[in-house]
Amino acid sequence: MRLACSFKVERMPVSYRMMLVSVIKEALRMSDEQYYERLYDSVSMKPFSFSTYLKNFRFADQEVYLEGITMTVSSPDHEFLLHLYNGLQQKRAFSYKQYQLVKEKIRMLPEKTITDSTVVFRTLSPMLIEDENQKPVSPDTPNYEEHVNYLSDLILRQYRGKGLSLPLIVRPLRWRKVVVKETNHEFEATHGNGDVLYFTAYQNLFSLTGHPSDLQLLYQLGLSKRRSQGFGLLEIEEVRG
């Protein structure tokens, strides 16, 4: 399932993904405090990913000036989406540091069902694949498929208790490197407010061949490290059978 929520916002930090994470967390807390604590007190992967669309934006120093932003959230977990939807409905404006987002519209989006073994996906938010040393792995790296399989198995295992049903065949078709600037409370506490994290990710068009149920869940959960921080949301471009 997917939902899209649009906000009116005039400016925001360059590291805006954590601003959206704070909106998601606040909405979940408003809907059900116990559910929020159960989800975020755990170190396990969160059951969602999201992407952002920025309307008429321009960058200036460490801020983005724009007319609005739309956040699209995907998850196979109905309880998570129910609490997110309820929490977003309860509040009109969300604050993050000195910035404010005013909610405009929430809508549910149609979701596709995968029944074939090969699907061409495109990324709606950058895809972050790293090796065991936390170094970025490019789609043209020889062992890229191995790293995608490892991460996919981990994502599915943590969500449903069972990893990949079949190994994935990964075929990158087109990609573009994106360097993402981000920060978080832990990093700011140790490095100061002026420092940021840099992630080398990729906007990607690629085909995945595997078990349809695995592909369906990866489509819903996202495929990337840091999915719940705005990485790895997928859209179906083509089904090849």
Protein backbone atom coordinates (compact mmCIF):
# COMPACT_ATOMS: atom_id res chain seq x y z
CA MET A 1 0.00 0.00 0.00
CA ARG A 2 1.08 3.58 -0.65
CA LEU A 3 0.04 7.00 0.46
CA ALA A 4 1.08 10.47 -0.65
CA CYS A 5 0.95 13.52 1.59
CA SER A 6 1.63 17.00 0.23
CA PHE A 7 2.82 19.90 2.36
CA LYS A 8 3.12 23.62 1.85
CA VAL A 9 6.66 24.66 2.79
CA GLU A 10 8.69 27.67 1.70
CA ARG A 11 12.14 26.63 2.87
CA MET A 12 13.84 23.64 4.43
CA PRO A 13 17.36 22.34 5.11
CA VAL A 14 19.39 20.65 2.39
CA SER A 15 19.32 17.56 4.61
CA TYR A 16 15.53 17.52 4.34
CA ARG A 17 15.01 13.76 4.47
CA MET A 18 15.40 13.75 8.25
CA MET A 19 12.72 16.44 8.37
CA LEU A 20 10.32 14.01 6.71
CA VAL A 21 11.43 11.25 9.08
CA SER A 22 10.45 13.52 11.98
CA VAL A 23 7.01 14.04 10.40
CA ILE A 24 6.50 10.28 10.07
CA LYS A 25 7.59 9.67 13.66
CA GLU A 26 5.37 12.42 15.03
CA ALA A 27 2.35 11.13 13.09
CA LEU A 28 2.90 7.60 14.39
CA ARG A 29 3.29 8.86 17.95
CA MET A 30 0.07 10.86 17.71
CA SER A 31 -1.84 7.87 16.41
CA ASP A 32 -0.54 5.30 18.90
CA GLU A 33 2.27 5.98 21.37
CA GLN A 34 2.78 2.31 22.17
CA TYR A 35 3.05 1.36 18.51
CA TYR A 36 5.57 4.16 17.92
CA GLU A 37 7.73 3.05 20.86
CA ARG A 38 7.59 -0.58 19.76
CA LEU A 39 8.70 0.37 16.25
CA TYR A 40 11.45 2.84 17.12
CA ASP A 41 12.81 1.22 20.27
CA SER A 42 13.80 -1.70 18.06
CA VAL A 43 17.06 -1.70 16.08
CA SER A 44 15.49 -3.78 13.30
CA MET A 45 14.74 -2.35 9.87
CA LYS A 46 11.53 -0.36 9.60
CA PRO A 47 8.76 -1.74 7.30
CA PHE A 48 8.62 1.18 4.86
CA SER A 49 10.43 3.44 2.44
CA PHE A 50 9.57 6.86 1.08
CA SER A 51 10.39 9.30 -1.66
CA THR A 52 9.97 13.05 -2.05
CA TYR A 53 8.92 15.37 -4.84
CA LEU A 54 9.99 19.01 -4.53
CA LYS A 55 7.90 21.62 -6.33
CA ASN A 56 9.72 24.53 -8.00
CA PHE A 57 12.81 24.32 -5.83
CA ARG A 58 16.18 26.05 -5.77
CA PHE A 59 19.19 25.60 -3.53
CA ALA A 60 20.82 28.48 -1.66
CA ASP A 61 23.69 27.76 0.75
CA GLN A 62 22.41 25.13 3.20
CA GLU A 63 18.70 25.57 2.45
CA VAL A 64 16.17 24.71 -0.22
CA TYR A 65 13.55 27.26 -1.26
CA LEU A 66 10.43 25.78 -2.81
CA GLU A 67 6.66 25.92 -3.14
CA GLY A 68 5.86 22.56 -1.59
CA ILE A 69 6.86 18.95 -1.09
CA THR A 70 5.05 15.64 -1.57
CA MET A 71 6.07 12.60 0.44
CA THR A 72 5.15 9.15 -0.91
CA VAL A 73 5.32 6.31 1.63
CA SER A 74 5.13 2.61 0.78
CA SER A 75 4.72 -0.38 3.07
CA PRO A 76 3.16 -3.86 3.02
CA ASP A 77 2.36 -3.39 6.73
CA HIS A 78 -1.25 -2.27 7.04
CA GLU A 79 -0.91 -1.44 10.75
CA PHE A 80 1.98 0.94 10.03
CA LEU A 81 0.12 2.73 7.23
CA LEU A 82 -3.07 2.94 9.30
CA HIS A 83 -1.24 4.68 12.15
CA LEU A 84 0.64 6.95 9.74
CA TYR A 85 -2.56 7.96 7.95
CA ASN A 86 -4.43 8.57 11.23
CA GLY A 87 -1.59 10.63 12.66
CA LEU A 88 -1.26 12.77 9.53
CA GLN A 89 -5.00 13.40 9.58
CA GLN A 90 -4.90 14.62 13.19
CA LYS A 91 -2.46 17.46 12.68
CA ARG A 92 -2.37 20.35 10.22
CA ALA A 93 1.20 21.63 10.72
CA PHE A 94 4.47 19.92 11.61
CA SER A 95 7.60 21.65 12.90
CA TYR A 96 11.23 20.65 12.46
CA LYS A 97 13.87 22.91 13.98
CA GLN A 98 13.01 26.39 12.58
CA TYR A 99 11.00 25.00 9.65
CA GLN A 100 7.29 24.33 9.31
CA LEU A 101 5.31 22.11 6.98
CA VAL A 102 1.59 22.73 6.53
CA LYS A 103 -0.36 19.67 5.42
CA GLU A 104 -2.40 20.14 2.26
CA LYS A 105 -3.67 16.78 1.06
CA ILE A 106 -3.40 13.04 1.81
CA ARG A 107 -4.38 10.40 -0.69
CA MET A 108 -3.99 6.66 -1.09
CA LEU A 109 -2.21 5.55 -4.26
CA PRO A 110 -2.90 2.49 -6.40
CA GLU A 111 -0.42 -0.34 -5.96
CA LYS A 112 0.49 -2.95 -8.57
CA THR A 113 0.56 -6.70 -8.04
CA ILE A 114 3.56 -8.62 -9.34
CA THR A 115 2.86 -12.09 -10.71
CA ASP A 116 5.81 -12.42 -13.12
CA SER A 117 9.41 -13.36 -12.47
CA THR A 118 11.12 -10.38 -14.15
CA VAL A 119 10.30 -6.74 -13.46
CA VAL A 120 12.02 -3.54 -14.56
CA PHE A 121 12.08 -1.08 -11.66
CA ARG A 122 13.03 2.56 -11.47
CA THR A 123 13.96 4.28 -8.25
CA LEU A 124 11.73 7.06 -6.92
CA SER A 125 14.35 7.80 -4.27
CA PRO A 126 18.09 7.08 -4.56
CA MET A 127 19.26 3.52 -4.03
CA LEU A 128 22.06 3.11 -1.48
CA ILE A 129 24.07 -0.12 -1.76
CA GLU A 130 27.19 -0.47 0.39
CA ASP A 131 29.75 -3.23 0.97
CA GLU A 132 30.78 -4.74 4.30
CA ASN A 133 33.05 -1.71 4.90
CA GLN A 134 30.17 0.75 4.32
CA LYS A 135 31.69 1.83 1.01
CA PRO A 136 29.24 2.62 -1.82
CA VAL A 137 28.85 0.00 -4.53
CA SER A 138 28.15 1.25 -8.06
CA PRO A 139 25.80 -0.66 -10.41
CA ASP A 140 28.74 -1.31 -12.77
CA THR A 141 30.79 -3.02 -10.03
CA PRO A 142 31.30 -6.77 -10.76
CA ASN A 143 29.91 -7.89 -7.38
CA TYR A 144 26.93 -5.49 -7.41
CA GLU A 145 24.46 -8.38 -7.81
CA GLU A 146 25.97 -10.13 -4.78
CA HIS A 147 25.48 -7.04 -2.61
CA VAL A 148 21.90 -6.50 -3.83
CA ASN A 149 21.10 -10.14 -3.04
CA TYR A 150 22.59 -9.87 0.45
CA LEU A 151 20.64 -6.71 1.25
CA SER A 152 17.39 -8.02 -0.26
CA ASP A 153 17.65 -11.22 1.77
CA LEU A 154 18.23 -9.19 4.94
CA ILE A 155 15.27 -6.87 4.26
CA LEU A 156 12.87 -9.77 3.66
CA ARG A 157 14.20 -11.82 6.56
CA GLN A 158 13.69 -8.98 9.02
CA TYR A 159 10.19 -8.26 7.74
CA ARG A 160 8.70 -11.74 7.34
CA GLY A 161 11.20 -14.00 9.11
CA LYS A 162 12.26 -15.63 5.82
CA GLY A 163 14.77 -14.38 3.26
CA LEU A 164 14.77 -14.66 -0.50
CA SER A 165 12.92 -17.63 -1.96
CA LEU A 166 15.23 -17.55 -4.99
CA PRO A 167 18.46 -15.66 -5.71
CA LEU A 168 17.92 -12.44 -7.64
CA ILE A 169 19.34 -11.79 -11.08
CA VAL A 170 20.14 -8.08 -11.19
CA ARG A 171 20.61 -6.23 -14.49
CA PRO A 172 21.36 -2.51 -14.19
CA LEU A 173 20.08 -0.69 -17.29
CA ARG A 174 20.72 2.97 -16.58
CA TRP A 175 21.96 4.83 -13.53
CA ARG A 176 23.06 8.23 -12.27
CA LYS A 177 25.13 8.95 -9.19
CA VAL A 178 23.56 11.14 -6.51
CA VAL A 179 25.48 12.43 -3.48
CA VAL A 180 23.01 12.92 -0.64
CA LYS A 181 23.76 15.24 2.27
CA GLU A 182 22.13 14.25 5.53
CA THR A 183 22.50 14.45 9.28
CA ASN A 184 20.87 13.07 12.42
CA HIS A 185 20.83 13.69 16.16
CA GLU A 186 23.63 11.21 16.90
CA PHE A 187 25.92 12.68 14.24
CA GLU A 188 25.20 16.26 15.31
CA ALA A 189 25.92 15.37 18.94
CA THR A 190 29.40 14.08 18.09
CA HIS A 191 30.35 16.35 15.16
CA GLY A 192 28.39 19.57 15.72
CA ASN A 193 25.48 21.13 13.86
CA GLY A 194 27.56 22.34 10.93
CA ASP A 195 28.74 18.90 9.77
CA VAL A 196 26.79 16.55 7.52
CA LEU A 197 26.93 12.96 6.36
CA TYR A 198 27.46 12.20 2.67
CA PHE A 199 25.93 9.13 1.02
CA THR A 200 26.78 8.07 -2.52
CA ALA A 201 23.58 6.59 -3.94
CA TYR A 202 22.17 5.99 -7.42
CA GLN A 203 19.02 6.82 -9.29
CA ASN A 204 18.62 3.54 -11.07
CA LEU A 205 16.69 1.73 -13.79
CA PHE A 206 17.25 -2.01 -13.45
CA SER A 207 15.62 -5.39 -13.93
CA LEU A 208 15.16 -7.95 -11.17
CA THR A 209 14.45 -11.60 -11.85
CA GLY A 210 13.34 -13.71 -8.91
CA HIS A 211 10.34 -15.18 -7.14
CA PRO A 212 7.25 -12.94 -7.69
CA SER A 213 6.45 -12.82 -3.96
CA ASP A 214 9.98 -11.56 -3.22
CA LEU A 215 9.71 -8.92 -5.94
CA GLN A 216 6.32 -7.83 -4.59
CA LEU A 217 7.67 -7.27 -1.09
CA LEU A 218 10.76 -5.44 -2.32
CA TYR A 219 8.47 -3.20 -4.38
CA GLN A 220 6.47 -2.45 -1.24
CA LEU A 221 9.35 -2.22 1.26
CA GLY A 222 11.96 -0.58 -0.96
CA LEU A 223 15.42 -1.86 -1.82
CA SER A 224 18.28 0.06 -0.26
CA LYS A 225 20.09 0.71 2.94
CA ARG A 226 18.41 3.45 5.03
CA ARG A 227 15.01 2.86 3.40
CA SER A 228 13.15 4.50 6.28
CA GLN A 229 15.29 7.62 5.76
CA GLY A 230 14.12 8.22 2.20
CA PHE A 231 16.15 5.77 0.10
CA GLY A 232 15.22 2.97 -2.26
CA LEU A 233 11.53 3.43 -3.02
CA LEU A 234 10.75 1.56 -6.25
CA GLU A 235 8.23 1.96 -9.05
CA ILE A 236 7.40 -0.67 -11.66
CA GLU A 237 8.49 0.45 -15.11
CA GLU A 238 7.86 -2.75 -17.07
CA VAL A 239 6.98 -6.42 -16.54
CA ARG A 240 8.88 -8.83 -18.77
CA GLY A 241 7.48 -12.18 -17.64
